[in-house]
Amino acid sequence: MIEKTIKITNKHGIHLRPSMVIIDEASRYKSDITITRNGISANAKSILELTMLAITKNSKIKITAEGEDEQKAMKAMVKLFVGNFENMFNVEREG
């Protein structure tokens, strides 16, 4: 099991769209991935649990990964949070 604590700097916090990105990324791994805020934990693969954490800007969260691919899973999760989900809206548009 590995853990990392991160401060949320995204100005909108973690609302529905970033939660969907988290779920999409977390679902790529076999490991159990948990996000904890203020002592309340949520499965990173559950939209209901993630949104109930009400993660706002400047919140501190703990990410925990446990399983056979925990190192890769943690690296991916940290990249999302540290990158402030900047690539989550990169979609092709007809123009």
Protein backbone atom coordinates (compact mmCIF):
# COMPACT_ATOMS: atom_id res chain seq x y z
CA MET A 1 0.00 0.00 0.00
CA ILE A 2 1.23 3.48 -0.86
CA GLU A 3 -0.13 6.88 0.15
CA LYS A 4 0.35 10.46 -0.95
CA THR A 5 -1.14 13.68 0.43
CA ILE A 6 -1.97 16.43 -2.05
CA LYS A 7 -3.35 19.95 -1.70
CA ILE A 8 -6.05 20.75 -4.25
CA THR A 9 -5.20 23.86 -6.25
CA ASN A 10 -7.88 23.57 -8.94
CA LYS A 11 -9.90 26.77 -8.53
CA HIS A 12 -13.20 24.88 -8.83
CA GLY A 13 -12.18 21.99 -6.59
CA ILE A 14 -13.21 18.50 -7.60
CA HIS A 15 -16.72 18.73 -8.98
CA LEU A 16 -18.55 16.31 -11.29
CA ARG A 17 -16.35 16.60 -14.38
CA PRO A 18 -13.01 16.06 -12.63
CA SER A 19 -14.64 13.24 -10.67
CA MET A 20 -15.49 11.51 -13.95
CA VAL A 21 -11.88 11.89 -15.08
CA ILE A 22 -10.69 10.38 -11.79
CA ILE A 23 -13.06 7.44 -12.20
CA ASP A 24 -12.00 6.88 -15.79
CA GLU A 25 -8.32 6.83 -14.84
CA ALA A 26 -8.77 4.80 -11.65
CA SER A 27 -10.78 2.18 -13.53
CA ARG A 28 -7.76 1.41 -15.70
CA TYR A 29 -6.00 -0.20 -12.72
CA LYS A 30 -6.65 -3.37 -10.76
CA SER A 31 -5.51 -1.74 -7.50
CA ASP A 32 -7.95 -0.36 -4.97
CA ILE A 33 -7.64 3.44 -5.04
CA THR A 34 -9.07 5.49 -2.19
CA ILE A 35 -9.30 9.24 -1.74
CA THR A 36 -9.70 10.57 1.80
CA ARG A 37 -10.68 14.07 2.92
CA ASN A 38 -11.29 15.05 6.54
CA GLY A 39 -11.25 11.43 7.64
CA ILE A 40 -13.90 10.35 5.12
CA SER A 41 -12.77 7.88 2.46
CA ALA A 42 -14.15 7.26 -1.01
CA ASN A 43 -13.51 4.65 -3.65
CA ALA A 44 -11.90 6.50 -6.59
CA LYS A 45 -14.00 4.36 -8.94
CA SER A 46 -17.35 5.57 -7.51
CA ILE A 47 -18.96 8.83 -8.65
CA LEU A 48 -21.32 8.91 -5.68
CA GLU A 49 -18.55 8.45 -3.13
CA LEU A 50 -16.23 10.99 -4.80
CA THR A 51 -18.82 13.75 -5.05
CA MET A 52 -19.83 13.22 -1.41
CA LEU A 53 -16.31 14.23 -0.35
CA ALA A 54 -17.09 17.81 -1.51
CA ILE A 55 -13.44 18.53 -2.32
CA THR A 56 -12.86 22.27 -2.63
CA LYS A 57 -9.85 24.39 -3.52
CA ASN A 58 -7.14 24.20 -0.83
CA SER A 59 -8.51 20.93 0.55
CA LYS A 60 -5.90 18.36 1.50
CA ILE A 61 -6.61 14.85 0.33
CA LYS A 62 -4.85 11.55 0.81
CA ILE A 63 -4.66 9.15 -2.11
CA THR A 64 -4.10 5.50 -1.26
CA ALA A 65 -3.40 2.74 -3.77
CA GLU A 66 -3.16 -0.94 -2.91
CA GLY A 67 -2.73 -3.83 -5.29
CA GLU A 68 -0.57 -5.35 -7.97
CA ASP A 69 -0.28 -2.15 -10.04
CA GLU A 70 -0.34 0.36 -7.17
CA GLN A 71 2.79 2.21 -8.29
CA LYS A 72 1.36 2.90 -11.76
CA ALA A 73 -2.04 3.76 -10.32
CA MET A 74 -0.58 6.25 -7.84
CA LYS A 75 1.57 7.89 -10.50
CA ALA A 76 -1.50 8.38 -12.71
CA MET A 77 -3.64 9.77 -9.90
CA VAL A 78 -0.98 12.22 -8.75
CA LYS A 79 -0.49 13.38 -12.34
CA LEU A 80 -4.21 14.21 -12.59
CA PHE A 81 -4.33 16.17 -9.36
CA VAL A 82 -1.00 17.98 -9.72
CA GLY A 83 -1.89 18.85 -13.32
CA ASN A 84 -5.18 20.38 -12.14
CA PHE A 85 -7.03 18.24 -14.67
CA GLU A 86 -5.84 20.60 -17.40
CA ASN A 87 -6.26 18.02 -20.15
CA MET A 88 -9.75 16.89 -19.18
CA PHE A 89 -11.47 19.17 -21.68
CA ASN A 90 -9.20 18.37 -24.64
CA VAL A 91 -11.73 16.95 -27.03
CA GLU A 92 -11.89 17.17 -30.78
CA ARG A 93 -14.49 19.61 -32.00
CA GLU A 94 -15.97 19.92 -35.42
CA GLY A 95 -15.23 23.28 -36.76
